[in-house]
Amino acid sequence: QVHLVESGGGLVQAGGSLRLSCTASGRTSSINYMGWYRQVPGKQRELVARITSGGSTNYADSVKGRFTISRDFALNLSLQMNRLKPEDTAVYYCNAFVSSTNVNYWGQGTQVTVSP
């Protein structure tokens, strides 16, 4: 089992910055990928950014150049979000994927609201 807890969401004006954090606990050694997803009401949850155990990253086109995902040796995950836009408003979820069991773990989500 992997337990994920997010923090750092909030309200910010367009053009501002926020930093999201995710603390992982439990069987963290089994994690292959970690990432951030977001979801708005009525839409599917979408990938924002992901980082592999080897440190490779990929980003949604909509956030490239503005968001940066990072992870420390203890698998604490961060998402630095700069130049935020109103369309970035969503609930952001931390994700961890364990390939040996093909299981995705999710945090409880944190709200990010960007005002015009």
C-alpha atoms as a PDB file:
ATOM      1  CA  GLN A   1       0.000   0.000   0.000  1.00  0.00           C
ATOM      2  CA  VAL A   2       1.053   3.549  -0.779  1.00  0.00           C
ATOM      3  CA  HIS A   3      -0.454   6.564   0.954  1.00  0.00           C
ATOM      4  CA  LEU A   4      -0.311  10.013  -0.668  1.00  0.00           C
ATOM      5  CA  VAL A   5      -1.095  13.366   0.933  1.00  0.00           C
ATOM      6  CA  GLU A   6      -1.156  16.608  -1.086  1.00  0.00           C
ATOM      7  CA  SER A   7      -0.781  20.160   0.131  1.00  0.00           C
ATOM      8  CA  GLY A   8      -0.255  23.615  -1.288  1.00  0.00           C
ATOM      9  CA  GLY A   9      -3.394  24.398  -3.246  1.00  0.00           C
ATOM     10  CA  GLY A  10      -5.215  27.685  -2.980  1.00  0.00           C
ATOM     11  CA  LEU A  11      -6.416  30.807  -4.728  1.00  0.00           C
ATOM     12  CA  VAL A  12      -4.100  32.877  -6.886  1.00  0.00           C
ATOM     13  CA  GLN A  13      -4.467  35.561  -9.524  1.00  0.00           C
ATOM     14  CA  ALA A  14      -3.641  34.858 -13.140  1.00  0.00           C
ATOM     15  CA  GLY A  15       0.073  35.154 -13.731  1.00  0.00           C
ATOM     16  CA  GLY A  16       0.881  34.065 -10.204  1.00  0.00           C
ATOM     17  CA  SER A  17       2.568  30.941  -8.857  1.00  0.00           C
ATOM     18  CA  LEU A  18       1.756  28.045  -6.571  1.00  0.00           C
ATOM     19  CA  ARG A  19       3.706  25.040  -5.419  1.00  0.00           C
ATOM     20  CA  LEU A  20       1.997  21.736  -4.746  1.00  0.00           C
ATOM     21  CA  SER A  21       3.573  19.057  -2.598  1.00  0.00           C
ATOM     22  CA  CYS A  22       2.808  15.380  -2.146  1.00  0.00           C
ATOM     23  CA  THR A  23       4.185  13.210   0.619  1.00  0.00           C
ATOM     24  CA  ALA A  24       4.325   9.482  -0.040  1.00  0.00           C
ATOM     25  CA  SER A  25       4.398   6.838   2.668  1.00  0.00           C
ATOM     26  CA  GLY A  26       4.068   3.065   2.864  1.00  0.00           C
ATOM     27  CA  ARG A  27       5.698   0.809   0.278  1.00  0.00           C
ATOM     28  CA  THR A  28       7.294   3.685  -1.613  1.00  0.00           C
ATOM     29  CA  SER A  29      10.118   1.480  -2.895  1.00  0.00           C
ATOM     30  CA  SER A  30       7.605  -0.223  -5.191  1.00  0.00           C
ATOM     31  CA  ILE A  31       6.629   3.010  -6.989  1.00  0.00           C
ATOM     32  CA  ASN A  32       7.607   3.256 -10.673  1.00  0.00           C
ATOM     33  CA  TYR A  33       5.977   6.526 -11.664  1.00  0.00           C
ATOM     34  CA  MET A  34       4.658   9.519  -9.792  1.00  0.00           C
ATOM     35  CA  GLY A  35       2.686  12.342 -11.246  1.00  0.00           C
ATOM     36  CA  TRP A  36       0.109  15.069 -10.984  1.00  0.00           C
ATOM     37  CA  TYR A  37      -3.332  14.921 -12.555  1.00  0.00           C
ATOM     38  CA  ARG A  38      -6.136  17.441 -12.499  1.00  0.00           C
ATOM     39  CA  GLN A  39      -9.868  17.328 -12.885  1.00  0.00           C
ATOM     40  CA  VAL A  40     -12.649  19.849 -13.357  1.00  0.00           C
ATOM     41  CA  PRO A  41     -16.328  19.009 -12.861  1.00  0.00           C
ATOM     42  CA  GLY A  42     -17.809  17.178 -15.814  1.00  0.00           C
ATOM     43  CA  LYS A  43     -14.464  16.315 -17.380  1.00  0.00           C
ATOM     44  CA  GLN A  44     -12.106  13.388 -17.201  1.00  0.00           C
ATOM     45  CA  ARG A  45      -9.062  13.500 -14.989  1.00  0.00           C
ATOM     46  CA  GLU A  46      -6.065  14.492 -17.114  1.00  0.00           C
ATOM     47  CA  LEU A  47      -2.336  14.080 -16.765  1.00  0.00           C
ATOM     48  CA  VAL A  48      -0.463  17.273 -15.934  1.00  0.00           C
ATOM     49  CA  ALA A  49       3.060  15.977 -15.391  1.00  0.00           C
ATOM     50  CA  ARG A  50       4.774  12.714 -14.579  1.00  0.00           C
ATOM     51  CA  ILE A  51       8.211  11.629 -13.425  1.00  0.00           C
ATOM     52  CA  THR A  52       9.682   8.144 -13.549  1.00  0.00           C
ATOM     53  CA  SER A  53      11.850   6.459 -10.950  1.00  0.00           C
ATOM     54  CA  GLY A  54      14.786   7.299 -13.219  1.00  0.00           C
ATOM     55  CA  GLY A  55      13.906  10.981 -13.231  1.00  0.00           C
ATOM     56  CA  SER A  56      12.479  11.284 -16.753  1.00  0.00           C
ATOM     57  CA  THR A  57       9.623  13.739 -17.022  1.00  0.00           C
ATOM     58  CA  ASN A  58       6.776  14.470 -19.359  1.00  0.00           C
ATOM     59  CA  TYR A  59       4.197  17.248 -19.356  1.00  0.00           C
ATOM     60  CA  ALA A  60       0.849  18.032 -20.872  1.00  0.00           C
ATOM     61  CA  ASP A  61       1.261  20.459 -23.756  1.00  0.00           C
ATOM     62  CA  SER A  62      -0.892  23.000 -21.939  1.00  0.00           C
ATOM     63  CA  VAL A  63       1.585  23.338 -19.062  1.00  0.00           C
ATOM     64  CA  LYS A  64       4.949  22.928 -20.802  1.00  0.00           C
ATOM     65  CA  GLY A  65       7.287  25.762 -19.951  1.00  0.00           C
ATOM     66  CA  ARG A  66       5.138  26.870 -17.007  1.00  0.00           C
ATOM     67  CA  PHE A  67       5.039  23.870 -14.654  1.00  0.00           C
ATOM     68  CA  THR A  68       7.931  21.846 -13.266  1.00  0.00           C
ATOM     69  CA  ILE A  69       7.639  18.475 -11.571  1.00  0.00           C
ATOM     70  CA  SER A  70      10.311  17.282  -9.179  1.00  0.00           C
ATOM     71  CA  ARG A  71      10.889  14.543  -6.658  1.00  0.00           C
ATOM     72  CA  ASP A  72      13.381  14.068  -3.859  1.00  0.00           C
ATOM     73  CA  PHE A  73      15.099  10.874  -2.726  1.00  0.00           C
ATOM     74  CA  ALA A  74      12.279  10.230  -0.252  1.00  0.00           C
ATOM     75  CA  LEU A  75       9.730  10.351  -3.100  1.00  0.00           C
ATOM     76  CA  ASN A  76       8.230  13.616  -1.920  1.00  0.00           C
ATOM     77  CA  LEU A  77       6.727  15.030  -5.079  1.00  0.00           C
ATOM     78  CA  SER A  78       6.366  18.697  -5.992  1.00  0.00           C
ATOM     79  CA  LEU A  79       4.761  20.678  -8.776  1.00  0.00           C
ATOM     80  CA  GLN A  80       5.924  24.247  -9.255  1.00  0.00           C
ATOM     81  CA  MET A  81       3.271  26.119 -11.199  1.00  0.00           C
ATOM     82  CA  ASN A  82       4.192  29.489 -12.699  1.00  0.00           C
ATOM     83  CA  ARG A  83       2.323  31.906 -14.936  1.00  0.00           C
ATOM     84  CA  LEU A  84      -0.939  30.343 -13.886  1.00  0.00           C
ATOM     85  CA  LYS A  85      -4.008  30.787 -16.054  1.00  0.00           C
ATOM     86  CA  PRO A  86      -7.714  30.609 -15.181  1.00  0.00           C
ATOM     87  CA  GLU A  87      -7.931  27.405 -17.216  1.00  0.00           C
ATOM     88  CA  ASP A  88      -5.524  25.771 -14.748  1.00  0.00           C
ATOM     89  CA  THR A  89      -8.307  25.875 -12.163  1.00  0.00           C
ATOM     90  CA  ALA A  90      -9.009  22.302 -11.057  1.00  0.00           C
ATOM     91  CA  VAL A  91      -8.601  19.784  -8.294  1.00  0.00           C
ATOM     92  CA  TYR A  92      -5.055  18.471  -8.504  1.00  0.00           C
ATOM     93  CA  TYR A  93      -4.297  14.877  -7.525  1.00  0.00           C
ATOM     94  CA  CYS A  94      -1.013  13.237  -6.702  1.00  0.00           C
ATOM     95  CA  ASN A  95      -0.583   9.828  -8.301  1.00  0.00           C
ATOM     96  CA  ALA A  96       1.749   6.896  -7.795  1.00  0.00           C
ATOM     97  CA  PHE A  97       1.835   3.851 -10.062  1.00  0.00           C
ATOM     98  CA  VAL A  98       3.176   0.451  -9.067  1.00  0.00           C
ATOM     99  CA  SER A  99       3.803  -1.670 -12.158  1.00  0.00           C
ATOM    100  CA  SER A 100       4.292  -4.964 -10.280  1.00  0.00           C
ATOM    101  CA  THR A 101       0.647  -4.872  -9.194  1.00  0.00           C
ATOM    102  CA  ASN A 102      -0.670  -2.538 -11.913  1.00  0.00           C
ATOM    103  CA  VAL A 103      -2.207  -0.355  -9.222  1.00  0.00           C
ATOM    104  CA  ASN A 104      -2.626   3.421  -9.214  1.00  0.00           C
ATOM    105  CA  TYR A 105      -2.688   5.213  -5.879  1.00  0.00           C
ATOM    106  CA  TRP A 106      -4.239   8.653  -5.453  1.00  0.00           C
ATOM    107  CA  GLY A 107      -4.122  11.423  -2.932  1.00  0.00           C
ATOM    108  CA  GLN A 108      -7.247  13.161  -1.704  1.00  0.00           C
ATOM    109  CA  GLY A 109      -6.805  16.118  -4.064  1.00  0.00           C
ATOM    110  CA  THR A 110      -6.122  19.798  -3.524  1.00  0.00           C
ATOM    111  CA  GLN A 111      -8.051  22.669  -5.078  1.00  0.00           C
ATOM    112  CA  VAL A 112      -6.253  25.209  -7.246  1.00  0.00           C
ATOM    113  CA  THR A 113      -8.251  28.259  -8.281  1.00  0.00           C
ATOM    114  CA  VAL A 114      -6.837  30.898 -10.604  1.00  0.00           C
ATOM    115  CA  SER A 115      -8.817  34.125 -10.831  1.00  0.00           C
ATOM    116  CA  PRO A 116      -8.732  36.262 -13.997  1.00  0.00           C
END
